[in-house]
Amino acid sequence: MIPVTELIPGIFVALFGLTLGSFLNVCIQRLPAGESIFLPGSHCPKCGHPIRWYDNIPVASYLILRGRCRDCQAQISPLYPFVEILTAALLVAEFCDYGWTPEFIKWSVFSLLVLILIFTDLRDRRIPHAVTLVGLATGLLLSAWVPVDDRPLGTILSMAGYYWSGTLLSAAGAIAGALVGGGLFYAVGELFYRLRHKEGLGFGDVMLMLMAGTFLGPALTLTTIFLGSLFGTVVAVPLTLFRRRFRDYAWPYGTFLGIAALFVSLGGEALLNAYLAWTRLR
């Protein structure tokens, strides 16, 4: 049986995650519309009535009110408690992996940013630049504090006679990851446009991978793209083939990439290491 004293940090992280999840809901709701995430305060989107503090308790208030506004009885989307619970679960998972370390802070920040983008793309087909630009700057800054996976950049530089290490190599890995993620998507989108004369990938997807690359580095960025594409294919192809209403559906590719990025932040390095060992490339 796990001692209570060992559970307290995890409980604290979970409660903090629920609170942050409530804030993420505000970002998801307002950023695609270009609204401020601070003013006005939380209010019902239907009747506009300010939400009382005791009706704004994560998850609990939703259950007590049975998913309805206290004033106008309008239905409240179940997405709100789902995002709160998911945020808490992700932070607890990161905490279990990294404990009270700089890595925990880095990957928690990454998870929060990616969660916003997953749901804005899912709901509104929008990937706000306000999030990706902040994430890009944050990822570059954190690379000076928490080492970025520089593979295979470090090996390439060594072969060229440049033996970089420490902060310099980490920053180079972050920049290389951004260029791999954003550059690859930009090139694919541009090629698709020139061949088909219509947009195949939105610039938001480019910005998402540009941001993710600064956190993940080149190798894990490629892993994210592969898993996101695989996940999107597994979900989209059967539904497109067998459900008529999905024939012309605009699939939120950024959502699939975001889910893959979250998976990679939790277990992607182990997956990549296993693949490299299996192929004897490690």
C-alpha atoms as a PDB file:
ATOM      1  CA  MET A   1       0.000   0.000   0.000  1.00  0.00           C
ATOM      2  CA  ILE A   2       1.366   3.439  -0.982  1.00  0.00           C
ATOM      3  CA  PRO A   3       1.904   5.741   2.034  1.00  0.00           C
ATOM      4  CA  VAL A   4      -0.318   8.825   2.130  1.00  0.00           C
ATOM      5  CA  THR A   5       2.731  11.095   2.287  1.00  0.00           C
ATOM      6  CA  GLU A   6       3.819   9.809  -1.145  1.00  0.00           C
ATOM      7  CA  LEU A   7       0.385  10.495  -2.627  1.00  0.00           C
ATOM      8  CA  ILE A   8       0.178  14.117  -1.455  1.00  0.00           C
ATOM      9  CA  PRO A   9       2.476  15.576  -4.188  1.00  0.00           C
ATOM     10  CA  GLY A  10       0.499  13.771  -6.887  1.00  0.00           C
ATOM     11  CA  ILE A  11      -2.799  14.998  -5.438  1.00  0.00           C
ATOM     12  CA  PHE A  12      -1.455  18.552  -5.345  1.00  0.00           C
ATOM     13  CA  VAL A  13      -0.364  18.299  -9.005  1.00  0.00           C
ATOM     14  CA  ALA A  14      -3.785  16.897  -9.967  1.00  0.00           C
ATOM     15  CA  LEU A  15      -5.675  19.721  -8.241  1.00  0.00           C
ATOM     16  CA  PHE A  16      -3.372  22.298  -9.797  1.00  0.00           C
ATOM     17  CA  GLY A  17      -3.944  20.601 -13.155  1.00  0.00           C
ATOM     18  CA  LEU A  18      -7.726  20.883 -12.772  1.00  0.00           C
ATOM     19  CA  THR A  19      -7.350  24.613 -12.121  1.00  0.00           C
ATOM     20  CA  LEU A  20      -5.085  25.056 -15.130  1.00  0.00           C
ATOM     21  CA  GLY A  21      -7.552  23.032 -17.190  1.00  0.00           C
ATOM     22  CA  SER A  22     -10.238  25.576 -16.339  1.00  0.00           C
ATOM     23  CA  PHE A  23      -7.979  28.315 -17.675  1.00  0.00           C
ATOM     24  CA  LEU A  24      -7.233  26.282 -20.810  1.00  0.00           C
ATOM     25  CA  ASN A  25     -10.980  26.138 -21.473  1.00  0.00           C
ATOM     26  CA  VAL A  26     -11.008  29.928 -21.564  1.00  0.00           C
ATOM     27  CA  CYS A  27      -8.097  29.936 -24.030  1.00  0.00           C
ATOM     28  CA  ILE A  28      -9.757  27.294 -26.223  1.00  0.00           C
ATOM     29  CA  GLN A  29     -13.017  29.238 -26.273  1.00  0.00           C
ATOM     30  CA  ARG A  30     -11.661  32.743 -26.814  1.00  0.00           C
ATOM     31  CA  LEU A  31      -8.371  32.623 -28.719  1.00  0.00           C
ATOM     32  CA  PRO A  32      -9.837  31.438 -32.064  1.00  0.00           C
ATOM     33  CA  ALA A  33     -12.281  34.363 -31.887  1.00  0.00           C
ATOM     34  CA  GLY A  34      -9.472  36.828 -31.167  1.00  0.00           C
ATOM     35  CA  GLU A  35     -10.889  37.672 -27.721  1.00  0.00           C
ATOM     36  CA  SER A  36      -8.986  38.488 -24.541  1.00  0.00           C
ATOM     37  CA  ILE A  37      -8.393  35.536 -22.243  1.00  0.00           C
ATOM     38  CA  PHE A  38      -8.482  37.786 -19.172  1.00  0.00           C
ATOM     39  CA  LEU A  39     -11.378  40.214 -19.684  1.00  0.00           C
ATOM     40  CA  PRO A  40     -14.265  39.936 -19.269  1.00  0.00           C
ATOM     41  CA  GLY A  41     -14.418  37.310 -16.534  1.00  0.00           C
ATOM     42  CA  SER A  42     -15.959  33.871 -16.996  1.00  0.00           C
ATOM     43  CA  HIS A  43     -19.543  34.116 -18.221  1.00  0.00           C
ATOM     44  CA  CYS A  44     -22.212  31.960 -19.808  1.00  0.00           C
ATOM     45  CA  PRO A  45     -21.770  32.036 -23.610  1.00  0.00           C
ATOM     46  CA  LYS A  46     -25.565  31.855 -24.009  1.00  0.00           C
ATOM     47  CA  CYS A  47     -26.989  34.462 -21.598  1.00  0.00           C
ATOM     48  CA  GLY A  48     -23.768  36.332 -20.798  1.00  0.00           C
ATOM     49  CA  HIS A  49     -24.327  36.190 -17.033  1.00  0.00           C
ATOM     50  CA  PRO A  50     -21.061  36.196 -15.015  1.00  0.00           C
ATOM     51  CA  ILE A  51     -20.292  32.812 -13.522  1.00  0.00           C
ATOM     52  CA  ARG A  52     -20.266  32.847  -9.730  1.00  0.00           C
ATOM     53  CA  TRP A  53     -17.083  31.610  -8.052  1.00  0.00           C
ATOM     54  CA  TYR A  54     -18.851  28.581  -6.584  1.00  0.00           C
ATOM     55  CA  ASP A  55     -20.122  27.659 -10.057  1.00  0.00           C
ATOM     56  CA  ASN A  56     -16.605  27.816 -11.451  1.00  0.00           C
ATOM     57  CA  ILE A  57     -15.010  24.979  -9.469  1.00  0.00           C
ATOM     58  CA  PRO A  58     -13.395  22.562 -11.957  1.00  0.00           C
ATOM     59  CA  VAL A  59     -15.473  19.427 -12.660  1.00  0.00           C
ATOM     60  CA  ALA A  60     -17.409  19.674  -9.372  1.00  0.00           C
ATOM     61  CA  SER A  61     -19.533  22.648 -10.479  1.00  0.00           C
ATOM     62  CA  TYR A  62     -20.354  20.938 -13.773  1.00  0.00           C
ATOM     63  CA  LEU A  63     -21.604  17.868 -11.911  1.00  0.00           C
ATOM     64  CA  ILE A  64     -23.573  19.866  -9.329  1.00  0.00           C
ATOM     65  CA  LEU A  65     -25.278  21.957 -12.031  1.00  0.00           C
ATOM     66  CA  ARG A  66     -25.817  18.846 -14.172  1.00  0.00           C
ATOM     67  CA  GLY A  67     -24.091  20.480 -17.098  1.00  0.00           C
ATOM     68  CA  ARG A  68     -26.359  23.526 -17.276  1.00  0.00           C
ATOM     69  CA  CYS A  69     -26.074  27.262 -16.646  1.00  0.00           C
ATOM     70  CA  ARG A  70     -27.616  28.214 -13.289  1.00  0.00           C
ATOM     71  CA  ASP A  71     -29.295  31.295 -14.816  1.00  0.00           C
ATOM     72  CA  CYS A  72     -30.577  30.343 -18.267  1.00  0.00           C
ATOM     73  CA  GLN A  73     -30.376  26.529 -18.041  1.00  0.00           C
ATOM     74  CA  ALA A  74     -28.453  26.377 -21.310  1.00  0.00           C
ATOM     75  CA  GLN A  75     -26.476  23.179 -21.856  1.00  0.00           C
ATOM     76  CA  ILE A  76     -22.771  23.427 -20.963  1.00  0.00           C
ATOM     77  CA  SER A  77     -20.473  21.450 -23.232  1.00  0.00           C
ATOM     78  CA  PRO A  78     -18.982  18.326 -21.620  1.00  0.00           C
ATOM     79  CA  LEU A  79     -15.744  19.450 -23.256  1.00  0.00           C
ATOM     80  CA  TYR A  80     -15.162  21.746 -20.251  1.00  0.00           C
ATOM     81  CA  PRO A  81     -14.791  19.039 -17.575  1.00  0.00           C
ATOM     82  CA  PHE A  82     -13.058  16.753 -20.085  1.00  0.00           C
ATOM     83  CA  VAL A  83     -10.309  19.318 -20.698  1.00  0.00           C
ATOM     84  CA  GLU A  84      -9.932  19.880 -16.947  1.00  0.00           C
ATOM     85  CA  ILE A  85      -9.604  16.163 -16.207  1.00  0.00           C
ATOM     86  CA  LEU A  86      -7.275  15.610 -19.163  1.00  0.00           C
ATOM     87  CA  THR A  87      -5.029  18.478 -18.073  1.00  0.00           C
ATOM     88  CA  ALA A  88      -4.786  17.075 -14.557  1.00  0.00           C
ATOM     89  CA  ALA A  89      -4.077  13.567 -15.880  1.00  0.00           C
ATOM     90  CA  LEU A  90      -1.298  14.798 -18.182  1.00  0.00           C
ATOM     91  CA  LEU A  91       0.412  16.793 -15.441  1.00  0.00           C
ATOM     92  CA  VAL A  92       0.245  13.817 -13.080  1.00  0.00           C
ATOM     93  CA  ALA A  93       1.718  11.594 -15.813  1.00  0.00           C
ATOM     94  CA  GLU A  94       4.541  14.074 -16.380  1.00  0.00           C
ATOM     95  CA  PHE A  95       5.114  14.255 -12.623  1.00  0.00           C
ATOM     96  CA  CYS A  96       5.299  10.458 -12.363  1.00  0.00           C
ATOM     97  CA  ASP A  97       7.912  10.452 -15.134  1.00  0.00           C
ATOM     98  CA  TYR A  98      10.072  13.371 -13.971  1.00  0.00           C
ATOM     99  CA  GLY A  99       9.208  14.283 -10.361  1.00  0.00           C
ATOM    100  CA  TRP A 100      10.118  17.766  -9.095  1.00  0.00           C
ATOM    101  CA  THR A 101      12.664  18.471 -11.824  1.00  0.00           C
ATOM    102  CA  PRO A 102      13.178  21.075 -14.572  1.00  0.00           C
ATOM    103  CA  GLU A 103      12.053  18.393 -17.037  1.00  0.00           C
ATOM    104  CA  PHE A 104       8.668  18.285 -15.294  1.00  0.00           C
ATOM    105  CA  ILE A 105       8.248  22.030 -15.765  1.00  0.00           C
ATOM    106  CA  LYS A 106       9.325  21.882 -19.421  1.00  0.00           C
ATOM    107  CA  TRP A 107       7.026  19.042 -20.433  1.00  0.00           C
ATOM    108  CA  SER A 108       4.128  20.371 -18.378  1.00  0.00           C
ATOM    109  CA  VAL A 109       4.356  23.704 -20.210  1.00  0.00           C
ATOM    110  CA  PHE A 110       4.549  21.818 -23.498  1.00  0.00           C
ATOM    111  CA  SER A 111       1.487  19.733 -22.625  1.00  0.00           C
ATOM    112  CA  LEU A 112      -0.556  22.819 -21.738  1.00  0.00           C
ATOM    113  CA  LEU A 113       0.336  24.580 -24.990  1.00  0.00           C
ATOM    114  CA  VAL A 114      -0.380  21.518 -27.113  1.00  0.00           C
ATOM    115  CA  LEU A 115      -3.704  20.852 -25.365  1.00  0.00           C
ATOM    116  CA  ILE A 116      -4.934  24.304 -26.341  1.00  0.00           C
ATOM    117  CA  LEU A 117      -3.984  23.695 -29.969  1.00  0.00           C
ATOM    118  CA  ILE A 118      -5.542  20.225 -30.055  1.00  0.00           C
ATOM    119  CA  PHE A 119      -8.953  21.568 -29.073  1.00  0.00           C
ATOM    120  CA  THR A 120      -8.906  24.856 -30.992  1.00  0.00           C
ATOM    121  CA  ASP A 121      -8.156  22.887 -34.143  1.00  0.00           C
ATOM    122  CA  LEU A 122     -10.807  20.292 -33.284  1.00  0.00           C
ATOM    123  CA  ARG A 123     -13.512  22.878 -32.510  1.00  0.00           C
ATOM    124  CA  ASP A 124     -12.729  25.746 -34.873  1.00  0.00           C
ATOM    125  CA  ARG A 125     -10.048  24.447 -37.277  1.00  0.00           C
ATOM    126  CA  ARG A 126      -7.811  27.177 -35.921  1.00  0.00           C
ATOM    127  CA  ILE A 127      -4.282  27.002 -34.516  1.00  0.00           C
ATOM    128  CA  PRO A 128      -3.783  30.421 -32.905  1.00  0.00           C
ATOM    129  CA  HIS A 129      -0.436  32.056 -33.585  1.00  0.00           C
ATOM    130  CA  ALA A 130      -0.647  33.602 -30.103  1.00  0.00           C
ATOM    131  CA  VAL A 131      -0.048  30.099 -28.698  1.00  0.00           C
ATOM    132  CA  THR A 132       2.493  28.830 -31.218  1.00  0.00           C
ATOM    133  CA  LEU A 133       4.643  31.969 -31.063  1.00  0.00           C
ATOM    134  CA  VAL A 134       4.684  31.942 -27.253  1.00  0.00           C
ATOM    135  CA  GLY A 135       5.481  28.224 -27.378  1.00  0.00           C
ATOM    136  CA  LEU A 136       8.270  28.766 -29.901  1.00  0.00           C
ATOM    137  CA  ALA A 137       9.940  31.388 -27.711  1.00  0.00           C
ATOM    138  CA  THR A 138       9.405  29.291 -24.565  1.00  0.00           C
ATOM    139  CA  GLY A 139      10.873  26.176 -26.141  1.00  0.00           C
ATOM    140  CA  LEU A 140      13.992  28.040 -27.234  1.00  0.00           C
ATOM    141  CA  LEU A 141      14.431  29.581 -23.761  1.00  0.00           C
ATOM    142  CA  LEU A 142      13.921  26.254 -21.981  1.00  0.00           C
ATOM    143  CA  SER A 143      16.520  24.597 -24.226  1.00  0.00           C
ATOM    144  CA  ALA A 144      19.138  26.529 -22.251  1.00  0.00           C
ATOM    145  CA  TRP A 145      17.846  24.957 -19.030  1.00  0.00           C
ATOM    146  CA  VAL A 146      16.712  21.460 -20.043  1.00  0.00           C
ATOM    147  CA  PRO A 147      18.759  19.627 -22.722  1.00  0.00           C
ATOM    148  CA  VAL A 148      16.957  18.976 -26.007  1.00  0.00           C
ATOM    149  CA  ASP A 149      17.359  15.597 -27.714  1.00  0.00           C
ATOM    150  CA  ASP A 150      19.859  16.617 -30.395  1.00  0.00           C
ATOM    151  CA  ARG A 151      19.951  13.341 -32.337  1.00  0.00           C
ATOM    152  CA  PRO A 152      21.211  13.091 -35.074  1.00  0.00           C
ATOM    153  CA  LEU A 153      22.492  16.682 -35.122  1.00  0.00           C
ATOM    154  CA  GLY A 154      25.220  16.043 -32.526  1.00  0.00           C
ATOM    155  CA  THR A 155      26.600  13.139 -34.562  1.00  0.00           C
ATOM    156  CA  ILE A 156      26.531  15.154 -37.793  1.00  0.00           C
ATOM    157  CA  LEU A 157      28.336  18.069 -36.168  1.00  0.00           C
ATOM    158  CA  SER A 158      30.974  15.745 -34.706  1.00  0.00           C
ATOM    159  CA  MET A 159      31.586  14.188 -38.122  1.00  0.00           C
ATOM    160  CA  ALA A 160      32.070  17.696 -39.502  1.00  0.00           C
ATOM    161  CA  GLY A 161      34.600  18.478 -36.766  1.00  0.00           C
ATOM    162  CA  TYR A 162      32.336  20.613 -34.546  1.00  0.00           C
ATOM    163  CA  TYR A 163      32.255  19.194 -31.030  1.00  0.00           C
ATOM    164  CA  TRP A 164      29.473  21.229 -29.488  1.00  0.00           C
ATOM    165  CA  SER A 165      28.078  20.382 -26.084  1.00  0.00           C
ATOM    166  CA  GLY A 166      25.938  21.717 -23.263  1.00  0.00           C
ATOM    167  CA  THR A 167      23.701  24.730 -23.825  1.00  0.00           C
ATOM    168  CA  LEU A 168      25.026  25.413 -27.331  1.00  0.00           C
ATOM    169  CA  LEU A 169      24.222  21.910 -28.574  1.00  0.00           C
ATOM    170  CA  SER A 170      20.827  21.933 -26.832  1.00  0.00           C
ATOM    171  CA  ALA A 171      19.885  25.259 -28.462  1.00  0.00           C
ATOM    172  CA  ALA A 172      21.078  23.941 -31.828  1.00  0.00           C
ATOM    173  CA  GLY A 173      18.909  20.844 -31.299  1.00  0.00           C
ATOM    174  CA  ALA A 174      15.871  23.041 -30.556  1.00  0.00           C
ATOM    175  CA  ILE A 175      16.440  25.140 -33.680  1.00  0.00           C
ATOM    176  CA  ALA A 176      17.045  22.032 -35.794  1.00  0.00           C
ATOM    177  CA  GLY A 177      13.839  20.473 -34.444  1.00  0.00           C
ATOM    178  CA  ALA A 178      11.881  23.602 -35.355  1.00  0.00           C
ATOM    179  CA  LEU A 179      13.368  23.652 -38.850  1.00  0.00           C
ATOM    180  CA  VAL A 180      12.666  19.946 -39.366  1.00  0.00           C
ATOM    181  CA  GLY A 181       9.067  20.190 -38.157  1.00  0.00           C
ATOM    182  CA  GLY A 182       8.062  23.533 -39.623  1.00  0.00           C
ATOM    183  CA  GLY A 183      10.259  23.262 -42.711  1.00  0.00           C
ATOM    184  CA  LEU A 184       9.028  19.805 -43.680  1.00  0.00           C
ATOM    185  CA  PHE A 185       5.383  20.796 -43.346  1.00  0.00           C
ATOM    186  CA  TYR A 186       5.903  24.027 -45.243  1.00  0.00           C
ATOM    187  CA  ALA A 187       7.643  22.171 -48.082  1.00  0.00           C
ATOM    188  CA  VAL A 188       4.903  19.515 -48.280  1.00  0.00           C
ATOM    189  CA  GLY A 189       2.170  22.150 -48.215  1.00  0.00           C
ATOM    190  CA  GLU A 190       3.876  24.210 -50.917  1.00  0.00           C
ATOM    191  CA  LEU A 191       4.397  21.143 -53.116  1.00  0.00           C
ATOM    192  CA  PHE A 192       0.756  20.100 -52.710  1.00  0.00           C
ATOM    193  CA  TYR A 193      -0.409  23.601 -53.629  1.00  0.00           C
ATOM    194  CA  ARG A 194       1.730  23.693 -56.755  1.00  0.00           C
ATOM    195  CA  LEU A 195       0.535  20.249 -57.875  1.00  0.00           C
ATOM    196  CA  ARG A 196      -3.161  20.537 -56.966  1.00  0.00           C
ATOM    197  CA  HIS A 197      -3.600  24.334 -56.895  1.00  0.00           C
ATOM    198  CA  LYS A 198      -5.307  24.212 -53.515  1.00  0.00           C
ATOM    199  CA  GLU A 199      -4.181  24.308 -49.916  1.00  0.00           C
ATOM    200  CA  GLY A 200      -3.376  20.889 -48.489  1.00  0.00           C
ATOM    201  CA  LEU A 201      -1.814  21.877 -45.168  1.00  0.00           C
ATOM    202  CA  GLY A 202      -2.721  25.004 -43.260  1.00  0.00           C
ATOM    203  CA  PHE A 203      -0.008  27.344 -42.033  1.00  0.00           C
ATOM    204  CA  GLY A 204      -1.232  26.624 -38.508  1.00  0.00           C
ATOM    205  CA  ASP A 205       0.084  23.060 -38.855  1.00  0.00           C
ATOM    206  CA  VAL A 206       3.453  24.483 -39.886  1.00  0.00           C
ATOM    207  CA  MET A 207       3.502  26.728 -36.817  1.00  0.00           C
ATOM    208  CA  LEU A 208       2.449  23.874 -34.532  1.00  0.00           C
ATOM    209  CA  MET A 209       5.360  21.708 -35.662  1.00  0.00           C
ATOM    210  CA  LEU A 210       7.726  24.676 -35.591  1.00  0.00           C
ATOM    211  CA  MET A 211       6.805  25.132 -31.927  1.00  0.00           C
ATOM    212  CA  ALA A 212       6.883  21.414 -31.088  1.00  0.00           C
ATOM    213  CA  GLY A 213      10.310  21.037 -32.686  1.00  0.00           C
ATOM    214  CA  THR A 214      11.909  23.473 -30.234  1.00  0.00           C
ATOM    215  CA  PHE A 215      10.857  21.199 -27.363  1.00  0.00           C
ATOM    216  CA  LEU A 216      11.397  17.822 -29.020  1.00  0.00           C
ATOM    217  CA  GLY A 217      14.502  18.163 -31.196  1.00  0.00           C
ATOM    218  CA  PRO A 218      14.888  16.689 -34.709  1.00  0.00           C
ATOM    219  CA  ALA A 219      14.462  12.957 -34.073  1.00  0.00           C
ATOM    220  CA  LEU A 220      11.436  13.190 -31.784  1.00  0.00           C
ATOM    221  CA  THR A 221       9.860  15.766 -34.100  1.00  0.00           C
ATOM    222  CA  LEU A 222      10.041  13.259 -36.952  1.00  0.00           C
ATOM    223  CA  THR A 223       8.596  10.636 -34.600  1.00  0.00           C
ATOM    224  CA  THR A 224       5.692  12.981 -33.850  1.00  0.00           C
ATOM    225  CA  ILE A 225       5.006  13.577 -37.544  1.00  0.00           C
ATOM    226  CA  PHE A 226       5.050   9.832 -38.247  1.00  0.00           C
ATOM    227  CA  LEU A 227       2.730   8.973 -35.336  1.00  0.00           C
ATOM    228  CA  GLY A 228       0.390  11.890 -36.051  1.00  0.00           C
ATOM    229  CA  SER A 229       0.100  10.872 -39.707  1.00  0.00           C
ATOM    230  CA  LEU A 230      -0.425   7.242 -38.723  1.00  0.00           C
ATOM    231  CA  PHE A 231      -3.100   8.148 -36.176  1.00  0.00           C
ATOM    232  CA  GLY A 232      -4.847  10.453 -38.627  1.00  0.00           C
ATOM    233  CA  THR A 233      -4.826   7.754 -41.308  1.00  0.00           C
ATOM    234  CA  VAL A 234      -6.202   5.074 -38.972  1.00  0.00           C
ATOM    235  CA  VAL A 235      -9.054   7.365 -37.912  1.00  0.00           C
ATOM    236  CA  ALA A 236      -9.816   9.225 -41.135  1.00  0.00           C
ATOM    237  CA  VAL A 237      -9.566   6.553 -43.840  1.00  0.00           C
ATOM    238  CA  PRO A 238     -12.195   4.097 -42.473  1.00  0.00           C
ATOM    239  CA  LEU A 239     -14.646   6.894 -41.660  1.00  0.00           C
ATOM    240  CA  THR A 240     -14.167   8.486 -45.087  1.00  0.00           C
ATOM    241  CA  LEU A 241     -14.716   5.161 -46.841  1.00  0.00           C
ATOM    242  CA  PHE A 242     -17.731   3.948 -44.864  1.00  0.00           C
ATOM    243  CA  ARG A 243     -19.492   7.105 -43.645  1.00  0.00           C
ATOM    244  CA  ARG A 244     -20.840   9.424 -46.340  1.00  0.00           C
ATOM    245  CA  ARG A 245     -20.969  12.466 -44.073  1.00  0.00           C
ATOM    246  CA  PHE A 246     -17.160  12.306 -43.697  1.00  0.00           C
ATOM    247  CA  ARG A 247     -16.482  12.337 -47.468  1.00  0.00           C
ATOM    248  CA  ASP A 248     -15.888  16.084 -47.547  1.00  0.00           C
ATOM    249  CA  TYR A 249     -15.007  16.470 -43.869  1.00  0.00           C
ATOM    250  CA  ALA A 250     -12.114  18.823 -43.072  1.00  0.00           C
ATOM    251  CA  TRP A 251     -10.033  16.647 -40.784  1.00  0.00           C
ATOM    252  CA  PRO A 252      -8.166  18.534 -38.031  1.00  0.00           C
ATOM    253  CA  TYR A 253      -4.636  17.373 -38.794  1.00  0.00           C
ATOM    254  CA  GLY A 254      -3.287  19.617 -36.037  1.00  0.00           C
ATOM    255  CA  THR A 255      -5.325  17.638 -33.509  1.00  0.00           C
ATOM    256  CA  PHE A 256      -3.723  14.367 -34.622  1.00  0.00           C
ATOM    257  CA  LEU A 257      -0.258  15.929 -34.511  1.00  0.00           C
ATOM    258  CA  GLY A 258      -0.955  17.358 -31.059  1.00  0.00           C
ATOM    259  CA  ILE A 259      -2.034  13.984 -29.689  1.00  0.00           C
ATOM    260  CA  ALA A 260       1.115  12.418 -31.125  1.00  0.00           C
ATOM    261  CA  ALA A 261       3.246  15.193 -29.599  1.00  0.00           C
ATOM    262  CA  LEU A 262       1.756  14.535 -26.162  1.00  0.00           C
ATOM    263  CA  PHE A 263       2.465  10.824 -26.518  1.00  0.00           C
ATOM    264  CA  VAL A 264       6.048  11.547 -27.564  1.00  0.00           C
ATOM    265  CA  SER A 265       6.548  13.869 -24.578  1.00  0.00           C
ATOM    266  CA  LEU A 266       5.607  10.982 -22.285  1.00  0.00           C
ATOM    267  CA  GLY A 267       7.072   7.910 -23.983  1.00  0.00           C
ATOM    268  CA  GLY A 268       8.457   8.892 -27.359  1.00  0.00           C
ATOM    269  CA  GLU A 269      12.104   8.650 -26.377  1.00  0.00           C
ATOM    270  CA  ALA A 270      11.682   5.035 -25.251  1.00  0.00           C
ATOM    271  CA  LEU A 271       9.833   4.242 -28.486  1.00  0.00           C
ATOM    272  CA  LEU A 272      12.541   5.882 -30.593  1.00  0.00           C
ATOM    273  CA  ASN A 273      15.314   4.088 -28.678  1.00  0.00           C
ATOM    274  CA  ALA A 274      13.543   0.753 -29.168  1.00  0.00           C
ATOM    275  CA  TYR A 275      13.235   1.395 -32.911  1.00  0.00           C
ATOM    276  CA  LEU A 276      16.893   2.399 -33.228  1.00  0.00           C
ATOM    277  CA  ALA A 277      17.967  -0.701 -31.287  1.00  0.00           C
ATOM    278  CA  TRP A 278      15.747  -2.921 -33.473  1.00  0.00           C
ATOM    279  CA  THR A 279      17.182  -1.436 -36.680  1.00  0.00           C
ATOM    280  CA  ARG A 280      20.704  -1.431 -35.175  1.00  0.00           C
ATOM    281  CA  LEU A 281      21.049   2.247 -35.953  1.00  0.00           C
ATOM    282  CA  ARG A 282      21.666   3.174 -32.338  1.00  0.00           C
END
